[in-house]
Amino acid sequence: MRVTGVGSLKMKVYSLDDVRSKTLVPFALATAARIIPTRLVNFTEQRASFEMKTTEIDERFRINRIVIFTREVFTSYPGS
């Protein structure tokens, strides 16, 4: 994820219907950085959603790029 801005970017991953969730380590945002930080998460679900937010007044962020790497975990549904 390539994000620039001011403040701290808090991130969370949710499963379908918000049954499971995982909080990621926050990004300390800067207007320009030569190092792109990486956040890895192991989250095995059929579908997932991301929440990214700032919580303080005058904090802002801009997402330039999101790269998602996946790998096959199961080859069929249970019972099929």
PDB file of N, CA and C in Angstrom:
ATOM      1  N   MET A   1       0.837  -1.163   0.000  1.00  0.00           N
ATOM      2  CA  MET A   1       0.000   0.000   0.000  1.00  0.00           C
ATOM      3  C   MET A   1       0.890   1.236   0.000  1.00  0.00           C
ATOM      4  N   ARG A   2       0.617   2.173  -0.865  1.00  0.00           N
ATOM      5  CA  ARG A   2       1.372   3.425  -0.932  1.00  0.00           C
ATOM      6  C   ARG A   2       0.413   4.527  -0.529  1.00  0.00           C
ATOM      7  N   VAL A   3       0.645   5.119   0.640  1.00  0.00           N
ATOM      8  CA  VAL A   3      -0.252   6.134   1.179  1.00  0.00           C
ATOM      9  C   VAL A   3       0.579   7.321   1.646  1.00  0.00           C
ATOM     10  N   THR A   4       0.131   8.525   1.321  1.00  0.00           N
ATOM     11  CA  THR A   4       0.776   9.731   1.828  1.00  0.00           C
ATOM     12  C   THR A   4      -0.267  10.564   2.561  1.00  0.00           C
ATOM     13  N   GLY A   5       0.193  11.469   3.414  1.00  0.00           N
ATOM     14  CA  GLY A   5      -0.734  12.329   4.138  1.00  0.00           C
ATOM     15  C   GLY A   5      -0.117  12.848   5.416  1.00  0.00           C
ATOM     16  N   VAL A   6      -0.978  13.196   6.358  1.00  0.00           N
ATOM     17  CA  VAL A   6      -0.567  13.735   7.646  1.00  0.00           C
ATOM     18  C   VAL A   6      -1.331  12.993   8.728  1.00  0.00           C
ATOM     19  N   GLY A   7      -0.620  12.450   9.726  1.00  0.00           N
ATOM     20  CA  GLY A   7      -1.285  11.784  10.843  1.00  0.00           C
ATOM     21  C   GLY A   7      -0.939  10.317  10.924  1.00  0.00           C
ATOM     22  N   SER A   8      -1.877   9.549  11.445  1.00  0.00           N
ATOM     23  CA  SER A   8      -1.709   8.113  11.623  1.00  0.00           C
ATOM     24  C   SER A   8      -2.877   7.393  10.957  1.00  0.00           C
ATOM     25  N   LEU A   9      -2.578   6.462  10.068  1.00  0.00           N
ATOM     26  CA  LEU A   9      -3.609   5.730   9.337  1.00  0.00           C
ATOM     27  C   LEU A   9      -3.867   4.410  10.041  1.00  0.00           C
ATOM     28  N   LYS A  10      -5.082   4.257  10.554  1.00  0.00           N
ATOM     29  CA  LYS A  10      -5.472   3.037  11.255  1.00  0.00           C
ATOM     30  C   LYS A  10      -6.180   2.114  10.276  1.00  0.00           C
ATOM     31  N   MET A  11      -5.836   0.816  10.319  1.00  0.00           N
ATOM     32  CA  MET A  11      -6.382  -0.134   9.351  1.00  0.00           C
ATOM     33  C   MET A  11      -6.920  -1.366  10.055  1.00  0.00           C
ATOM     34  N   LYS A  12      -7.969  -1.931   9.467  1.00  0.00           N
ATOM     35  CA  LYS A  12      -8.585  -3.133   9.998  1.00  0.00           C
ATOM     36  C   LYS A  12      -9.125  -3.951   8.832  1.00  0.00           C
ATOM     37  N   VAL A  13      -9.088  -5.272   8.951  1.00  0.00           N
ATOM     38  CA  VAL A  13      -9.630  -6.181   7.945  1.00  0.00           C
ATOM     39  C   VAL A  13     -10.803  -6.909   8.578  1.00  0.00           C
ATOM     40  N   TYR A  14     -11.926  -6.989   7.831  1.00  0.00           N
ATOM     41  CA  TYR A  14     -13.135  -7.638   8.322  1.00  0.00           C
ATOM     42  C   TYR A  14     -13.520  -8.790   7.407  1.00  0.00           C
ATOM     43  N   SER A  15     -14.089  -9.825   7.992  1.00  0.00           N
ATOM     44  CA  SER A  15     -14.661 -10.908   7.196  1.00  0.00           C
ATOM     45  C   SER A  15     -16.076 -10.521   6.781  1.00  0.00           C
ATOM     46  N   LEU A  16     -16.705 -11.387   6.011  1.00  0.00           N
ATOM     47  CA  LEU A  16     -18.076 -11.157   5.581  1.00  0.00           C
ATOM     48  C   LEU A  16     -18.976 -11.018   6.807  1.00  0.00           C
ATOM     49  N   ASP A  17     -19.830 -10.023   6.841  1.00  0.00           N
ATOM     50  CA  ASP A  17     -20.742  -9.728   7.955  1.00  0.00           C
ATOM     51  C   ASP A  17     -20.001  -9.384   9.246  1.00  0.00           C
ATOM     52  N   ASP A  18     -18.746  -9.005   9.164  1.00  0.00           N
ATOM     53  CA  ASP A  18     -17.949  -8.560  10.318  1.00  0.00           C
ATOM     54  C   ASP A  18     -17.880  -9.587  11.445  1.00  0.00           C
ATOM     55  N   VAL A  19     -17.864 -10.873  11.091  1.00  0.00           N
ATOM     56  CA  VAL A  19     -17.783 -11.928  12.100  1.00  0.00           C
ATOM     57  C   VAL A  19     -16.388 -11.966  12.705  1.00  0.00           C
ATOM     58  N   ARG A  20     -15.360 -11.878  11.873  1.00  0.00           N
ATOM     59  CA  ARG A  20     -13.965 -11.847  12.326  1.00  0.00           C
ATOM     60  C   ARG A  20     -13.342 -10.531  11.886  1.00  0.00           C
ATOM     61  N   SER A  21     -12.375 -10.061  12.663  1.00  0.00           N
ATOM     62  CA  SER A  21     -11.642  -8.862  12.264  1.00  0.00           C
ATOM     63  C   SER A  21     -10.220  -8.956  12.780  1.00  0.00           C
ATOM     64  N   LYS A  22      -9.346  -8.193  12.138  1.00  0.00           N
ATOM     65  CA  LYS A  22      -7.946  -8.147  12.538  1.00  0.00           C
ATOM     66  C   LYS A  22      -7.462  -6.713  12.380  1.00  0.00           C
ATOM     67  N   THR A  23      -6.895  -6.166  13.455  1.00  0.00           N
ATOM     68  CA  THR A  23      -6.359  -4.810  13.432  1.00  0.00           C
ATOM     69  C   THR A  23      -4.895  -4.859  13.035  1.00  0.00           C
ATOM     70  N   LEU A  24      -4.530  -4.018  12.068  1.00  0.00           N
ATOM     71  CA  LEU A  24      -3.149  -3.958  11.604  1.00  0.00           C
ATOM     72  C   LEU A  24      -2.403  -2.843  12.315  1.00  0.00           C
ATOM     73  N   VAL A  25      -1.084  -2.916  12.287  1.00  0.00           N
ATOM     74  CA  VAL A  25      -0.247  -1.872  12.873  1.00  0.00           C
ATOM     75  C   VAL A  25      -0.449  -0.596  12.062  1.00  0.00           C
ATOM     76  N   PRO A  26      -0.701   0.551  12.719  1.00  0.00           N
ATOM     77  CA  PRO A  26      -0.975   1.786  11.970  1.00  0.00           C
ATOM     78  C   PRO A  26       0.242   2.300  11.197  1.00  0.00           C
ATOM     79  N   PHE A  27      -0.040   3.021  10.102  1.00  0.00           N
ATOM     80  CA  PHE A  27       0.984   3.725   9.337  1.00  0.00           C
ATOM     81  C   PHE A  27       1.166   5.106   9.947  1.00  0.00           C
ATOM     82  N   ALA A  28       2.401   5.522  10.141  1.00  0.00           N
ATOM     83  CA  ALA A  28       2.687   6.927  10.464  1.00  0.00           C
ATOM     84  C   ALA A  28       2.842   7.637   9.128  1.00  0.00           C
ATOM     85  N   LEU A  29       1.904   8.489   8.788  1.00  0.00           N
ATOM     86  CA  LEU A  29       1.875   9.119   7.472  1.00  0.00           C
ATOM     87  C   LEU A  29       2.850  10.280   7.377  1.00  0.00           C
ATOM     88  N   ALA A  30       3.375  10.480   6.191  1.00  0.00           N
ATOM     89  CA  ALA A  30       4.248  11.608   5.877  1.00  0.00           C
ATOM     90  C   ALA A  30       3.880  12.111   4.488  1.00  0.00           C
ATOM     91  N   THR A  31       4.183  13.380   4.215  1.00  0.00           N
ATOM     92  CA  THR A  31       3.829  13.941   2.905  1.00  0.00           C
ATOM     93  C   THR A  31       4.652  13.325   1.791  1.00  0.00           C
ATOM     94  N   ALA A  32       5.901  12.972   2.076  1.00  0.00           N
ATOM     95  CA  ALA A  32       6.748  12.307   1.088  1.00  0.00           C
ATOM     96  C   ALA A  32       7.698  11.378   1.822  1.00  0.00           C
ATOM     97  N   ALA A  33       7.884  10.192   1.269  1.00  0.00           N
ATOM     98  CA  ALA A  33       8.789   9.234   1.895  1.00  0.00           C
ATOM     99  C   ALA A  33       9.507   8.452   0.810  1.00  0.00           C
ATOM    100  N   ARG A  34      10.779   8.156   1.041  1.00  0.00           N
ATOM    101  CA  ARG A  34      11.523   7.376   0.051  1.00  0.00           C
ATOM    102  C   ARG A  34      11.413   5.887   0.315  1.00  0.00           C
ATOM    103  N   ILE A  35      10.897   5.507   1.492  1.00  0.00           N
ATOM    104  CA  ILE A  35      10.704   4.098   1.843  1.00  0.00           C
ATOM    105  C   ILE A  35       9.205   3.814   1.883  1.00  0.00           C
ATOM    106  N   ILE A  36       8.791   2.775   1.192  1.00  0.00           N
ATOM    107  CA  ILE A  36       7.383   2.398   1.168  1.00  0.00           C
ATOM    108  C   ILE A  36       7.167   1.306   2.222  1.00  0.00           C
ATOM    109  N   PRO A  37       6.458   1.619   3.302  1.00  0.00           N
ATOM    110  CA  PRO A  37       6.220   0.587   4.319  1.00  0.00           C
ATOM    111  C   PRO A  37       5.237  -0.462   3.821  1.00  0.00           C
ATOM    112  N   THR A  38       5.356  -1.657   4.363  1.00  0.00           N
ATOM    113  CA  THR A  38       4.501  -2.775   3.959  1.00  0.00           C
ATOM    114  C   THR A  38       3.781  -3.320   5.178  1.00  0.00           C
ATOM    115  N   ARG A  39       2.518  -3.634   5.017  1.00  0.00           N
ATOM    116  CA  ARG A  39       1.768  -4.300   6.074  1.00  0.00           C
ATOM    117  C   ARG A  39       1.276  -5.631   5.527  1.00  0.00           C
ATOM    118  N   LEU A  40       1.629  -6.698   6.217  1.00  0.00           N
ATOM    119  CA  LEU A  40       1.193  -8.030   5.836  1.00  0.00           C
ATOM    120  C   LEU A  40       0.128  -8.509   6.806  1.00  0.00           C
ATOM    121  N   VAL A  41      -0.827  -9.257   6.284  1.00  0.00           N
ATOM    122  CA  VAL A  41      -1.875  -9.798   7.147  1.00  0.00           C
ATOM    123  C   VAL A  41      -2.243 -11.187   6.641  1.00  0.00           C
ATOM    124  N   ASN A  42      -2.334 -12.129   7.539  1.00  0.00           N
ATOM    125  CA  ASN A  42      -2.837 -13.463   7.215  1.00  0.00           C
ATOM    126  C   ASN A  42      -4.301 -13.495   7.597  1.00  0.00           C
ATOM    127  N   PHE A  43      -5.152 -13.572   6.607  1.00  0.00           N
ATOM    128  CA  PHE A  43      -6.595 -13.512   6.839  1.00  0.00           C
ATOM    129  C   PHE A  43      -7.252 -14.438   5.842  1.00  0.00           C
ATOM    130  N   THR A  44      -7.639 -15.618   6.267  1.00  0.00           N
ATOM    131  CA  THR A  44      -8.210 -16.632   5.381  1.00  0.00           C
ATOM    132  C   THR A  44      -9.732 -16.544   5.419  1.00  0.00           C
ATOM    133  N   GLU A  45     -10.302 -15.947   4.403  1.00  0.00           N
ATOM    134  CA  GLU A  45     -11.748 -15.798   4.250  1.00  0.00           C
ATOM    135  C   GLU A  45     -12.084 -15.819   2.765  1.00  0.00           C
ATOM    136  N   GLN A  46     -13.327 -16.129   2.453  1.00  0.00           N
ATOM    137  CA  GLN A  46     -13.750 -16.066   1.057  1.00  0.00           C
ATOM    138  C   GLN A  46     -13.853 -14.620   0.585  1.00  0.00           C
ATOM    139  N   ARG A  47     -14.305 -13.745   1.468  1.00  0.00           N
ATOM    140  CA  ARG A  47     -14.434 -12.324   1.149  1.00  0.00           C
ATOM    141  C   ARG A  47     -13.944 -11.516   2.346  1.00  0.00           C
ATOM    142  N   ALA A  48     -13.384 -10.378   2.077  1.00  0.00           N
ATOM    143  CA  ALA A  48     -12.892  -9.516   3.148  1.00  0.00           C
ATOM    144  C   ALA A  48     -13.049  -8.060   2.736  1.00  0.00           C
ATOM    145  N   SER A  49     -13.132  -7.204   3.731  1.00  0.00           N
ATOM    146  CA  SER A  49     -13.183  -5.768   3.477  1.00  0.00           C
ATOM    147  C   SER A  49     -12.143  -5.074   4.344  1.00  0.00           C
ATOM    148  N   PHE A  50     -11.653  -3.946   3.848  1.00  0.00           N
ATOM    149  CA  PHE A  50     -10.646  -3.163   4.553  1.00  0.00           C
ATOM    150  C   PHE A  50     -11.284  -1.881   5.074  1.00  0.00           C
ATOM    151  N   GLU A  51     -10.874  -1.491   6.256  1.00  0.00           N
ATOM    152  CA  GLU A  51     -11.255  -0.186   6.798  1.00  0.00           C
ATOM    153  C   GLU A  51      -9.975   0.597   7.033  1.00  0.00           C
ATOM    154  N   MET A  52      -9.895   1.779   6.456  1.00  0.00           N
ATOM    155  CA  MET A  52      -8.746   2.656   6.652  1.00  0.00           C
ATOM    156  C   MET A  52      -9.281   4.002   7.100  1.00  0.00           C
ATOM    157  N   LYS A  53      -8.730   4.532   8.210  1.00  0.00           N
ATOM    158  CA  LYS A  53      -9.260   5.792   8.715  1.00  0.00           C
ATOM    159  C   LYS A  53      -8.211   6.535   9.530  1.00  0.00           C
ATOM    160  N   THR A  54      -8.460   7.816   9.699  1.00  0.00           N
ATOM    161  CA  THR A  54      -7.712   8.639  10.635  1.00  0.00           C
ATOM    162  C   THR A  54      -8.711   9.070  11.694  1.00  0.00           C
ATOM    163  N   THR A  55      -8.233   9.349  12.892  1.00  0.00           N
ATOM    164  CA  THR A  55      -9.164   9.638  13.984  1.00  0.00           C
ATOM    165  C   THR A  55      -9.042  11.038  14.566  1.00  0.00           C
ATOM    166  N   GLU A  56      -8.021  11.777  14.195  1.00  0.00           N
ATOM    167  CA  GLU A  56      -7.823  13.117  14.749  1.00  0.00           C
ATOM    168  C   GLU A  56      -8.251  14.181  13.737  1.00  0.00           C
ATOM    169  N   ILE A  57      -8.541  15.358  14.230  1.00  0.00           N
ATOM    170  CA  ILE A  57      -8.923  16.488  13.369  1.00  0.00           C
ATOM    171  C   ILE A  57      -7.720  16.899  12.525  1.00  0.00           C
ATOM    172  N   ASP A  58      -7.961  17.251  11.272  1.00  0.00           N
ATOM    173  CA  ASP A  58      -6.966  17.711  10.303  1.00  0.00           C
ATOM    174  C   ASP A  58      -6.004  16.617   9.836  1.00  0.00           C
ATOM    175  N   GLU A  59      -6.247  15.362  10.159  1.00  0.00           N
ATOM    176  CA  GLU A  59      -5.458  14.278   9.573  1.00  0.00           C
ATOM    177  C   GLU A  59      -6.091  13.919   8.239  1.00  0.00           C
ATOM    178  N   ARG A  60      -5.275  13.559   7.280  1.00  0.00           N
ATOM    179  CA  ARG A  60      -5.791  13.210   5.958  1.00  0.00           C
ATOM    180  C   ARG A  60      -4.869  12.181   5.331  1.00  0.00           C
ATOM    181  N   PHE A  61      -5.404  11.450   4.352  1.00  0.00           N
ATOM    182  CA  PHE A  61      -4.564  10.491   3.639  1.00  0.00           C
ATOM    183  C   PHE A  61      -5.013  10.380   2.196  1.00  0.00           C
ATOM    184  N   ARG A  62      -4.077   9.957   1.369  1.00  0.00           N
ATOM    185  CA  ARG A  62      -4.332   9.735  -0.049  1.00  0.00           C
ATOM    186  C   ARG A  62      -3.710   8.399  -0.426  1.00  0.00           C
ATOM    187  N   ILE A  63      -4.502   7.518  -1.003  1.00  0.00           N
ATOM    188  CA  ILE A  63      -4.008   6.206  -1.400  1.00  0.00           C
ATOM    189  C   ILE A  63      -3.557   6.281  -2.854  1.00  0.00           C
ATOM    190  N   ASN A  64      -2.296   5.969  -3.080  1.00  0.00           N
ATOM    191  CA  ASN A  64      -1.756   5.980  -4.431  1.00  0.00           C
ATOM    192  C   ASN A  64      -1.759   4.596  -5.054  1.00  0.00           C
ATOM    193  N   ARG A  65      -1.599   3.571  -4.221  1.00  0.00           N
ATOM    194  CA  ARG A  65      -1.500   2.217  -4.765  1.00  0.00           C
ATOM    195  C   ARG A  65      -1.827   1.194  -3.678  1.00  0.00           C
ATOM    196  N   ILE A  66      -2.547   0.150  -4.058  1.00  0.00           N
ATOM    197  CA  ILE A  66      -2.779  -1.003  -3.194  1.00  0.00           C
ATOM    198  C   ILE A  66      -2.415  -2.241  -4.006  1.00  0.00           C
ATOM    199  N   VAL A  67      -1.539  -3.068  -3.463  1.00  0.00           N
ATOM    200  CA  VAL A  67      -1.136  -4.315  -4.111  1.00  0.00           C
ATOM    201  C   VAL A  67      -1.557  -5.454  -3.187  1.00  0.00           C
ATOM    202  N   ILE A  68      -2.321  -6.394  -3.716  1.00  0.00           N
ATOM    203  CA  ILE A  68      -2.798  -7.522  -2.921  1.00  0.00           C
ATOM    204  C   ILE A  68      -2.234  -8.804  -3.515  1.00  0.00           C
ATOM    205  N   PHE A  69      -1.530  -9.550  -2.697  1.00  0.00           N
ATOM    206  CA  PHE A  69      -1.001 -10.845  -3.094  1.00  0.00           C
ATOM    207  C   PHE A  69      -1.862 -11.922  -2.442  1.00  0.00           C
ATOM    208  N   THR A  70      -2.280 -12.886  -3.225  1.00  0.00           N
ATOM    209  CA  THR A  70      -3.084 -13.987  -2.694  1.00  0.00           C
ATOM    210  C   THR A  70      -2.476 -15.308  -3.137  1.00  0.00           C
ATOM    211  N   ARG A  71      -2.832 -16.344  -2.414  1.00  0.00           N
ATOM    212  CA  ARG A  71      -2.439 -17.679  -2.845  1.00  0.00           C
ATOM    213  C   ARG A  71      -3.584 -18.624  -2.556  1.00  0.00           C
ATOM    214  N   GLU A  72      -3.664 -19.667  -3.326  1.00  0.00           N
ATOM    215  CA  GLU A  72      -4.740 -20.644  -3.174  1.00  0.00           C
ATOM    216  C   GLU A  72      -4.516 -21.436  -1.890  1.00  0.00           C
ATOM    217  N   VAL A  73      -5.533 -21.485  -1.050  1.00  0.00           N
ATOM    218  CA  VAL A  73      -5.447 -22.222   0.205  1.00  0.00           C
ATOM    219  C   VAL A  73      -6.217 -23.528   0.103  1.00  0.00           C
ATOM    220  N   PHE A  74      -7.416 -23.468  -0.452  1.00  0.00           N
ATOM    221  CA  PHE A  74      -8.261 -24.646  -0.619  1.00  0.00           C
ATOM    222  C   PHE A  74      -8.620 -24.791  -2.089  1.00  0.00           C
ATOM    223  N   THR A  75      -8.833 -26.021  -2.538  1.00  0.00           N
ATOM    224  CA  THR A  75      -9.170 -26.233  -3.942  1.00  0.00           C
ATOM    225  C   THR A  75     -10.658 -26.499  -4.157  1.00  0.00           C
ATOM    226  N   SER A  76     -11.427 -26.705  -3.075  1.00  0.00           N
ATOM    227  CA  SER A  76     -12.872 -26.913  -3.218  1.00  0.00           C
ATOM    228  C   SER A  76     -13.554 -26.521  -1.920  1.00  0.00           C
ATOM    229  N   TYR A  77     -14.866 -26.359  -1.984  1.00  0.00           N
ATOM    230  CA  TYR A  77     -15.649 -26.064  -0.803  1.00  0.00           C
ATOM    231  C   TYR A  77     -15.837 -27.324   0.028  1.00  0.00           C
ATOM    232  N   PRO A  78     -16.005 -27.201   1.340  1.00  0.00           N
ATOM    233  CA  PRO A  78     -16.258 -28.405   2.153  1.00  0.00           C
ATOM    234  C   PRO A  78     -17.556 -29.093   1.722  1.00  0.00           C
ATOM    235  N   GLY A  79     -17.509 -30.400   1.640  1.00  0.00           N
ATOM    236  CA  GLY A  79     -18.680 -31.183   1.283  1.00  0.00           C
ATOM    237  C   GLY A  79     -18.921 -31.338  -0.207  1.00  0.00           C
ATOM    238  N   SER A  80     -18.059 -30.749  -1.052  1.00  0.00           N
ATOM    239  CA  SER A  80     -18.293 -30.874  -2.500  1.00  0.00           C
ATOM    240  C   SER A  80     -17.265 -31.786  -3.119  1.00  0.00           C
TER     241      SER A  80
END
